[in-house]
Amino acid sequence: MPANRRFRNVTRIGPVQVATSYDGRGCEKHTAACTAPRCGFSADYDSRSAAELAARTHRCPVR
């Protein structure tokens, strides 16, 4: 069953989108996900600055 998340505060840094949501336990999580085709990068972080740093330093392996 997929997680039903409501993302807020969505920003885009290059091909990566950074958003804030709540996980299943009610804790705030920050997600960075690449929107490039066939890239597949996504990760959850505890702080917004960590997610934005990951978005800025991400390099897609598929070009």
Protein backbone atom coordinates (compact mmCIF):
# COMPACT_ATOMS: atom_id res chain seq x y z
CA MET A 1 0.00 0.00 0.00
CA PRO A 2 1.54 3.34 -1.00
CA ALA A 3 1.97 6.05 1.58
CA ASN A 4 -0.57 8.86 1.28
CA ARG A 5 1.52 11.98 1.78
CA ARG A 6 0.52 15.58 1.50
CA PHE A 7 3.52 17.55 0.44
CA ARG A 8 3.82 21.22 1.28
CA ASN A 9 6.48 23.84 0.80
CA VAL A 10 7.60 22.31 -2.50
CA THR A 11 10.61 23.89 -4.20
CA ARG A 12 12.63 22.89 -7.21
CA ILE A 13 16.44 22.97 -7.33
CA GLY A 14 17.53 21.94 -10.81
CA PRO A 15 15.82 18.63 -11.63
CA VAL A 16 15.28 17.84 -7.93
CA GLN A 17 12.12 18.72 -6.01
CA VAL A 18 12.34 19.28 -2.24
CA ALA A 19 9.16 19.02 -0.16
CA THR A 20 8.02 18.76 3.45
CA SER A 21 5.51 16.21 4.74
CA TYR A 22 4.61 14.16 7.81
CA ASP A 23 5.53 10.48 8.03
CA GLY A 24 3.25 7.76 9.41
CA ARG A 25 4.24 8.59 12.99
CA GLY A 26 3.43 12.28 12.69
CA CYS A 27 7.05 13.44 12.49
CA GLU A 28 8.00 16.09 9.97
CA LYS A 29 10.20 14.76 7.13
CA HIS A 30 11.82 16.49 4.19
CA THR A 31 12.07 14.68 0.87
CA ALA A 32 14.37 15.28 -2.09
CA ALA A 33 13.38 13.52 -5.33
CA CYS A 34 14.83 13.84 -8.82
CA THR A 35 12.29 14.29 -11.60
CA ALA A 36 14.61 13.35 -14.48
CA PRO A 37 13.53 10.29 -16.49
CA ARG A 38 15.13 7.02 -15.34
CA CYS A 39 17.07 8.65 -12.49
CA GLY A 40 15.27 7.20 -9.48
CA PHE A 41 16.93 9.36 -6.79
CA SER A 42 14.81 10.10 -3.73
CA ALA A 43 15.62 10.34 -0.04
CA ASP A 44 14.01 11.45 3.22
CA TYR A 45 15.83 13.74 5.65
CA ASP A 46 15.16 15.06 9.14
CA SER A 47 16.06 18.67 8.27
CA ARG A 48 15.15 20.90 5.36
CA SER A 49 18.75 22.07 4.94
CA ALA A 50 19.97 18.48 4.49
CA ALA A 51 17.37 17.86 1.78
CA GLU A 52 18.31 21.08 -0.02
CA LEU A 53 22.01 20.20 0.19
CA ALA A 54 21.28 16.80 -1.35
CA ALA A 55 19.32 18.51 -4.13
CA ARG A 56 22.15 20.94 -4.87
CA THR A 57 24.85 18.25 -4.97
CA HIS A 58 22.82 15.58 -6.85
CA ARG A 59 24.20 14.49 -10.20
CA CYS A 60 22.00 12.28 -12.34
CA PRO A 61 23.79 9.13 -13.54
CA VAL A 62 21.55 9.06 -16.63
CA ARG A 63 22.28 11.71 -19.23
